[in-house]
């Protein structure tokens, strides 16, 4: 039976750490697919100071069964003290794609 699917957003400080993380979560079947979007600029408040840095965004496709293990793995392996972890439910999608996504995580 298929389960609810999610798009998880996070950022990494550089291409190498993003690639390494993406490879690991796909190998561990915590993600069916990870898109790596290079060279974005983030502006944020950290420790009461405005910061700006180059980052790499990851778009991670996963499902309900993997959402908590993925978050635990991210918090353990991520180089940031407080990594971004935003899980967006996929409300609608091509049924064959969502089936592939779920099948990739079993």
Protein backbone atom coordinates (compact mmCIF):
# COMPACT_ATOMS: atom_id res chain seq x y z
CA UNK A 1 0.00 0.00 0.00
CA UNK A 2 1.29 3.46 -0.86
CA UNK A 3 1.85 5.98 1.89
CA UNK A 4 1.78 9.78 2.00
CA UNK A 5 4.69 11.43 0.20
CA UNK A 6 6.70 14.48 1.29
CA UNK A 7 9.11 17.02 -0.12
CA UNK A 8 11.75 17.88 2.48
CA UNK A 9 13.78 21.07 2.16
CA UNK A 10 17.19 21.66 3.71
CA UNK A 11 20.40 23.52 2.94
CA UNK A 12 24.08 22.61 3.17
CA UNK A 13 27.13 24.87 3.25
CA UNK A 14 28.72 23.46 0.08
CA UNK A 15 28.31 21.14 -2.89
CA UNK A 16 30.48 18.35 -1.49
CA UNK A 17 28.60 17.98 1.80
CA UNK A 18 25.26 18.22 -0.03
CA UNK A 19 26.29 15.52 -2.52
CA UNK A 20 27.57 13.26 0.24
CA UNK A 21 24.34 13.59 2.25
CA UNK A 22 22.16 13.04 -0.84
CA UNK A 23 24.09 9.89 -1.74
CA UNK A 24 23.73 8.51 1.79
CA UNK A 25 19.98 9.07 2.14
CA UNK A 26 19.26 7.47 -1.24
CA UNK A 27 21.53 4.50 -0.42
CA UNK A 28 19.80 4.08 2.96
CA UNK A 29 16.39 4.29 1.24
CA UNK A 30 15.40 7.29 3.35
CA UNK A 31 14.87 9.22 0.11
CA UNK A 32 13.80 8.14 -3.36
CA UNK A 33 15.41 11.16 -5.02
CA UNK A 34 17.33 14.26 -3.99
CA UNK A 35 17.62 17.37 -6.16
CA UNK A 36 20.69 19.50 -5.44
CA UNK A 37 20.28 23.19 -6.27
CA UNK A 38 23.65 24.96 -6.11
CA UNK A 39 24.59 28.53 -5.35
CA UNK A 40 21.80 30.17 -3.49
CA UNK A 41 22.26 33.00 -1.02
CA UNK A 42 20.57 32.82 2.36
CA UNK A 43 20.01 35.81 4.63
CA UNK A 44 19.05 34.94 8.19
CA UNK A 45 19.37 35.91 11.83
CA UNK A 46 21.75 33.77 13.88
CA UNK A 47 22.68 34.51 17.49
CA UNK A 48 21.10 37.97 17.22
CA UNK A 49 23.15 38.93 14.17
CA UNK A 50 22.11 39.18 10.50
CA UNK A 51 24.11 36.69 8.43
CA UNK A 52 24.41 36.07 4.70
CA UNK A 53 25.99 32.98 3.19
CA UNK A 54 26.21 30.88 0.04
CA UNK A 55 24.42 27.57 0.43
CA UNK A 56 23.25 24.56 -1.54
CA UNK A 57 19.58 23.56 -1.29
CA UNK A 58 18.40 19.96 -1.24
CA UNK A 59 14.89 18.92 -2.24
CA UNK A 60 14.38 15.44 -0.81
CA UNK A 61 11.51 13.18 -1.89
CA UNK A 62 10.42 10.73 0.79
CA UNK A 63 7.32 9.25 2.41
CA UNK A 64 5.62 9.05 5.79
CA UNK A 65 7.44 5.85 6.81
CA UNK A 66 10.83 7.52 6.27
CA UNK A 67 10.11 11.07 7.44
CA UNK A 68 11.21 10.62 11.08
CA UNK A 69 14.27 8.44 10.35
CA UNK A 70 15.30 11.00 7.71
CA UNK A 71 15.01 13.86 10.20
CA UNK A 72 17.05 11.94 12.79
CA UNK A 73 19.75 11.16 10.22
CA UNK A 74 19.84 14.79 9.06
CA UNK A 75 20.22 16.13 12.61
CA UNK A 76 23.00 13.62 13.31
CA UNK A 77 24.98 14.12 10.09
CA UNK A 78 24.40 17.80 9.26
CA UNK A 79 27.29 20.24 9.86
CA UNK A 80 25.01 23.04 11.14
CA UNK A 81 23.93 23.37 14.79
CA UNK A 82 20.35 24.08 13.70
CA UNK A 83 19.79 22.71 10.19
CA UNK A 84 16.75 23.61 8.14
CA UNK A 85 14.25 20.75 8.01
CA UNK A 86 10.91 21.56 6.42
CA UNK A 87 8.65 18.68 5.37
CA UNK A 88 5.90 19.61 2.93
CA UNK A 89 3.18 17.06 2.18
CA UNK A 90 2.77 16.32 -1.52
CA UNK A 91 -0.93 16.98 -2.00
CA UNK A 92 -1.07 15.84 -5.61
CA UNK A 93 1.24 14.23 -8.14
CA UNK A 94 1.41 11.81 -11.04
CA UNK A 95 0.26 8.44 -9.69
CA UNK A 96 3.04 6.53 -11.46
CA UNK A 97 5.68 8.90 -10.03
CA UNK A 98 4.29 8.62 -6.49
CA UNK A 99 4.16 4.83 -6.83
CA UNK A 100 7.82 4.83 -7.95
CA UNK A 101 8.69 7.09 -5.00
CA UNK A 102 7.06 4.71 -2.50
CA UNK A 103 8.48 1.60 -4.18
CA UNK A 104 11.99 3.09 -4.01
CA UNK A 105 11.78 3.35 -0.24
CA UNK A 106 10.76 -0.21 0.59
